[in-house]
Amino acid sequence: MKILRHASATWSGPVPTGTGSMQLGRAGAELPFSLRSRTEDGVAQTNPEELVGAAHAGCFSMSLSNLVEEAGLDPVAIRTTATVTLEQGGSGFTISRVDLVTRGQVPGLDDAGFRALAEKAKATCPVSKLYASAQLTLDAALDADAGQG
């Protein structure tokens, strides 16, 4: 089975002063971006690296939730943040690292079990597999108030 999803982007002008917009599939969302949004903080636009991070965090959270369900438990919440590192080297810019931090609320699951399932999700989520050439780290823990009963 193949599933196709679509996104597109348009760029206008020279890179230092130009602007672009990314259109996301069926949602019809249009997100503006620029060089400044990639290299400076505080710019009210997104950038490709944030979208990579959002895609990875979303895919990972869904994969982890599925693994929790397969273990016979009901996840209350899985929250994941992906920090994407863009570095300039001799051959240009590269996404060299993605750091995932995930926290969960899963009654009946201890921290070690959660970390084991999170490691499996890290290895098997489709976006993790796509970015296998970047260093991918994971910090996984249950929320302190999740109650492990």
C-alpha atoms as a PDB file:
ATOM      1  CA  MET A   1       0.000   0.000   0.000  1.00  0.00           C
ATOM      2  CA  LYS A   2       1.274   3.452  -0.917  1.00  0.00           C
ATOM      3  CA  ILE A   3      -0.057   6.601   0.696  1.00  0.00           C
ATOM      4  CA  LEU A   4       0.762   9.909  -0.978  1.00  0.00           C
ATOM      5  CA  ARG A   5       0.746  13.234   0.865  1.00  0.00           C
ATOM      6  CA  HIS A   6       1.544  16.621  -0.634  1.00  0.00           C
ATOM      7  CA  ALA A   7       3.079  19.906   0.386  1.00  0.00           C
ATOM      8  CA  SER A   8       4.506  22.677  -1.759  1.00  0.00           C
ATOM      9  CA  ALA A   9       6.532  25.845  -1.436  1.00  0.00           C
ATOM     10  CA  THR A  10       6.984  29.063  -3.371  1.00  0.00           C
ATOM     11  CA  TRP A  11       9.971  31.403  -3.072  1.00  0.00           C
ATOM     12  CA  SER A  12      10.190  34.947  -4.450  1.00  0.00           C
ATOM     13  CA  GLY A  13      13.263  37.144  -4.696  1.00  0.00           C
ATOM     14  CA  PRO A  14      16.902  36.754  -3.736  1.00  0.00           C
ATOM     15  CA  VAL A  15      17.539  34.598  -0.666  1.00  0.00           C
ATOM     16  CA  PRO A  16      18.782  37.377   1.668  1.00  0.00           C
ATOM     17  CA  THR A  17      15.710  39.571   1.162  1.00  0.00           C
ATOM     18  CA  GLY A  18      13.147  37.282  -0.443  1.00  0.00           C
ATOM     19  CA  THR A  19      10.211  35.505   1.114  1.00  0.00           C
ATOM     20  CA  GLY A  20       8.456  32.227   0.663  1.00  0.00           C
ATOM     21  CA  SER A  21       5.378  30.343   1.678  1.00  0.00           C
ATOM     22  CA  MET A  22       4.804  26.659   2.284  1.00  0.00           C
ATOM     23  CA  GLN A  23       1.416  25.098   1.659  1.00  0.00           C
ATOM     24  CA  LEU A  24       0.484  22.013   3.644  1.00  0.00           C
ATOM     25  CA  GLY A  25      -1.658  19.392   1.936  1.00  0.00           C
ATOM     26  CA  ARG A  26      -5.343  19.046   2.559  1.00  0.00           C
ATOM     27  CA  ALA A  27      -5.340  21.417   5.537  1.00  0.00           C
ATOM     28  CA  GLY A  28      -4.665  24.298   3.172  1.00  0.00           C
ATOM     29  CA  ALA A  29      -2.437  25.985   5.722  1.00  0.00           C
ATOM     30  CA  GLU A  30      -0.037  28.514   4.260  1.00  0.00           C
ATOM     31  CA  LEU A  31       3.059  29.280   6.305  1.00  0.00           C
ATOM     32  CA  PRO A  32       5.400  32.171   5.442  1.00  0.00           C
ATOM     33  CA  PHE A  33       9.188  31.729   5.751  1.00  0.00           C
ATOM     34  CA  SER A  34      12.382  33.627   5.005  1.00  0.00           C
ATOM     35  CA  LEU A  35      16.125  33.412   5.519  1.00  0.00           C
ATOM     36  CA  ARG A  36      15.697  35.409   8.737  1.00  0.00           C
ATOM     37  CA  SER A  37      13.234  32.804  10.053  1.00  0.00           C
ATOM     38  CA  ARG A  38      15.947  30.162   9.571  1.00  0.00           C
ATOM     39  CA  THR A  39      18.856  32.078  11.083  1.00  0.00           C
ATOM     40  CA  GLU A  40      17.371  34.429  13.707  1.00  0.00           C
ATOM     41  CA  ASP A  41      15.166  33.991  16.748  1.00  0.00           C
ATOM     42  CA  GLY A  42      12.067  36.097  17.266  1.00  0.00           C
ATOM     43  CA  VAL A  43      10.925  36.191  13.630  1.00  0.00           C
ATOM     44  CA  ALA A  44       7.171  35.596  13.389  1.00  0.00           C
ATOM     45  CA  GLN A  45       7.484  33.025  10.603  1.00  0.00           C
ATOM     46  CA  THR A  46       8.308  29.348  10.443  1.00  0.00           C
ATOM     47  CA  ASN A  47      11.108  27.605   8.585  1.00  0.00           C
ATOM     48  CA  PRO A  48      11.741  24.189   7.036  1.00  0.00           C
ATOM     49  CA  GLU A  49      13.599  22.937  10.128  1.00  0.00           C
ATOM     50  CA  GLU A  50      10.634  23.680  12.394  1.00  0.00           C
ATOM     51  CA  LEU A  51       8.383  21.780  10.022  1.00  0.00           C
ATOM     52  CA  VAL A  52      10.814  18.835  10.044  1.00  0.00           C
ATOM     53  CA  GLY A  53      10.705  18.964  13.850  1.00  0.00           C
ATOM     54  CA  ALA A  54       6.912  19.158  13.944  1.00  0.00           C
ATOM     55  CA  ALA A  55       6.619  16.233  11.534  1.00  0.00           C
ATOM     56  CA  HIS A  56       9.069  14.186  13.582  1.00  0.00           C
ATOM     57  CA  ALA A  57       7.436  15.023  16.934  1.00  0.00           C
ATOM     58  CA  GLY A  58       3.992  14.203  15.544  1.00  0.00           C
ATOM     59  CA  CYS A  59       5.055  10.942  13.923  1.00  0.00           C
ATOM     60  CA  PHE A  60       7.013   9.841  16.996  1.00  0.00           C
ATOM     61  CA  SER A  61       4.152  10.673  19.404  1.00  0.00           C
ATOM     62  CA  MET A  62       1.681   8.731  17.292  1.00  0.00           C
ATOM     63  CA  SER A  63       4.052   5.751  16.998  1.00  0.00           C
ATOM     64  CA  LEU A  64       4.713   5.717  20.742  1.00  0.00           C
ATOM     65  CA  SER A  65       1.008   5.950  21.508  1.00  0.00           C
ATOM     66  CA  ASN A  66       0.394   2.975  19.205  1.00  0.00           C
ATOM     67  CA  LEU A  67       3.094   0.923  20.960  1.00  0.00           C
ATOM     68  CA  VAL A  68       1.548   1.765  24.348  1.00  0.00           C
ATOM     69  CA  GLU A  69      -1.838   0.594  23.065  1.00  0.00           C
ATOM     70  CA  GLU A  70      -0.283  -2.606  21.679  1.00  0.00           C
ATOM     71  CA  ALA A  71       1.076  -3.219  25.205  1.00  0.00           C
ATOM     72  CA  GLY A  72      -2.528  -3.207  26.429  1.00  0.00           C
ATOM     73  CA  LEU A  73      -2.461   0.228  28.061  1.00  0.00           C
ATOM     74  CA  ASP A  74      -4.342   3.456  27.408  1.00  0.00           C
ATOM     75  CA  PRO A  75      -2.143   6.523  26.868  1.00  0.00           C
ATOM     76  CA  VAL A  76      -3.680   9.667  28.332  1.00  0.00           C
ATOM     77  CA  ALA A  77      -1.148  11.956  26.613  1.00  0.00           C
ATOM     78  CA  ILE A  78       2.178  11.770  24.794  1.00  0.00           C
ATOM     79  CA  ARG A  79       3.929  15.125  24.288  1.00  0.00           C
ATOM     80  CA  THR A  80       7.107  15.331  22.233  1.00  0.00           C
ATOM     81  CA  THR A  81       9.400  18.219  21.358  1.00  0.00           C
ATOM     82  CA  ALA A  82      11.916  17.870  18.542  1.00  0.00           C
ATOM     83  CA  THR A  83      14.905  20.211  18.451  1.00  0.00           C
ATOM     84  CA  VAL A  84      16.438  20.209  14.970  1.00  0.00           C
ATOM     85  CA  THR A  85      20.058  21.329  14.571  1.00  0.00           C
ATOM     86  CA  LEU A  86      21.015  22.976  11.273  1.00  0.00           C
ATOM     87  CA  GLU A  87      24.784  23.369  10.842  1.00  0.00           C
ATOM     88  CA  GLN A  88      26.891  24.933   8.138  1.00  0.00           C
ATOM     89  CA  GLY A  89      29.928  22.920   7.102  1.00  0.00           C
ATOM     90  CA  GLY A  90      32.267  22.634   4.156  1.00  0.00           C
ATOM     91  CA  SER A  91      29.586  21.125   1.920  1.00  0.00           C
ATOM     92  CA  GLY A  92      26.832  23.542   2.923  1.00  0.00           C
ATOM     93  CA  PHE A  93      24.051  23.292   5.472  1.00  0.00           C
ATOM     94  CA  THR A  94      23.080  19.943   6.985  1.00  0.00           C
ATOM     95  CA  ILE A  95      20.522  18.817   9.517  1.00  0.00           C
ATOM     96  CA  SER A  96      23.016  17.103  11.774  1.00  0.00           C
ATOM     97  CA  ARG A  97      20.980  16.318  14.840  1.00  0.00           C
ATOM     98  CA  VAL A  98      17.464  15.874  16.133  1.00  0.00           C
ATOM     99  CA  ASP A  99      16.855  15.748  19.884  1.00  0.00           C
ATOM    100  CA  LEU A 100      13.499  14.303  20.924  1.00  0.00           C
ATOM    101  CA  VAL A 101      12.139  14.935  24.405  1.00  0.00           C
ATOM    102  CA  THR A 102       8.945  13.043  25.174  1.00  0.00           C
ATOM    103  CA  ARG A 103       6.780  12.970  28.258  1.00  0.00           C
ATOM    104  CA  GLY A 104       3.808  10.750  28.754  1.00  0.00           C
ATOM    105  CA  GLN A 105       0.858  10.057  30.953  1.00  0.00           C
ATOM    106  CA  VAL A 106       0.232   6.320  30.873  1.00  0.00           C
ATOM    107  CA  PRO A 107      -1.469   4.784  33.909  1.00  0.00           C
ATOM    108  CA  GLY A 108      -0.104   1.319  34.655  1.00  0.00           C
ATOM    109  CA  LEU A 109       3.266   1.870  32.963  1.00  0.00           C
ATOM    110  CA  ASP A 110       6.500   2.479  34.842  1.00  0.00           C
ATOM    111  CA  ASP A 111       9.295   4.787  33.681  1.00  0.00           C
ATOM    112  CA  ALA A 112      11.536   1.950  32.440  1.00  0.00           C
ATOM    113  CA  GLY A 113       8.694   0.493  30.389  1.00  0.00           C
ATOM    114  CA  PHE A 114       7.910   3.903  28.933  1.00  0.00           C
ATOM    115  CA  ARG A 115      11.553   4.456  27.973  1.00  0.00           C
ATOM    116  CA  ALA A 116      11.707   1.021  26.314  1.00  0.00           C
ATOM    117  CA  LEU A 117       8.613   1.743  24.229  1.00  0.00           C
ATOM    118  CA  ALA A 118       9.963   5.217  23.391  1.00  0.00           C
ATOM    119  CA  GLU A 119      13.239   3.702  22.150  1.00  0.00           C
ATOM    120  CA  LYS A 120      11.250   1.317  19.949  1.00  0.00           C
ATOM    121  CA  ALA A 121       9.209   4.245  18.588  1.00  0.00           C
ATOM    122  CA  LYS A 122      12.437   6.151  17.902  1.00  0.00           C
ATOM    123  CA  ALA A 123      13.732   3.224  15.851  1.00  0.00           C
ATOM    124  CA  THR A 124      10.498   2.495  13.983  1.00  0.00           C
ATOM    125  CA  CYS A 125       8.635   5.750  13.367  1.00  0.00           C
ATOM    126  CA  PRO A 126       8.737   6.554   9.636  1.00  0.00           C
ATOM    127  CA  VAL A 127      10.192  10.049  10.104  1.00  0.00           C
ATOM    128  CA  SER A 128      12.964   8.696  12.370  1.00  0.00           C
ATOM    129  CA  LYS A 129      13.836   6.229   9.636  1.00  0.00           C
ATOM    130  CA  LEU A 130      13.862   9.011   7.044  1.00  0.00           C
ATOM    131  CA  TYR A 131      16.338  11.062   9.037  1.00  0.00           C
ATOM    132  CA  ALA A 132      18.521   8.128  10.077  1.00  0.00           C
ATOM    133  CA  SER A 133      21.672   9.917   8.863  1.00  0.00           C
ATOM    134  CA  ALA A 134      21.303  12.665  11.492  1.00  0.00           C
ATOM    135  CA  GLN A 135      22.205  12.060  15.121  1.00  0.00           C
ATOM    136  CA  LEU A 136      18.926  11.316  16.878  1.00  0.00           C
ATOM    137  CA  THR A 137      18.734  11.457  20.683  1.00  0.00           C
ATOM    138  CA  LEU A 138      15.825  10.681  22.962  1.00  0.00           C
ATOM    139  CA  ASP A 139      14.934  11.749  26.521  1.00  0.00           C
ATOM    140  CA  ALA A 140      11.825   9.855  27.607  1.00  0.00           C
ATOM    141  CA  ALA A 141      10.024   9.878  30.950  1.00  0.00           C
ATOM    142  CA  LEU A 142       6.554   9.617  32.356  1.00  0.00           C
ATOM    143  CA  ASP A 143       5.106  12.785  33.819  1.00  0.00           C
ATOM    144  CA  ALA A 144       5.685  12.845  37.554  1.00  0.00           C
ATOM    145  CA  ASP A 145       1.955  13.174  38.247  1.00  0.00           C
ATOM    146  CA  ALA A 146       0.888  10.473  35.763  1.00  0.00           C
ATOM    147  CA  GLY A 147       0.131   7.931  38.476  1.00  0.00           C
ATOM    148  CA  GLN A 148       1.446   4.470  37.813  1.00  0.00           C
ATOM    149  CA  GLY A 149      -1.427   2.421  39.058  1.00  0.00           C
END
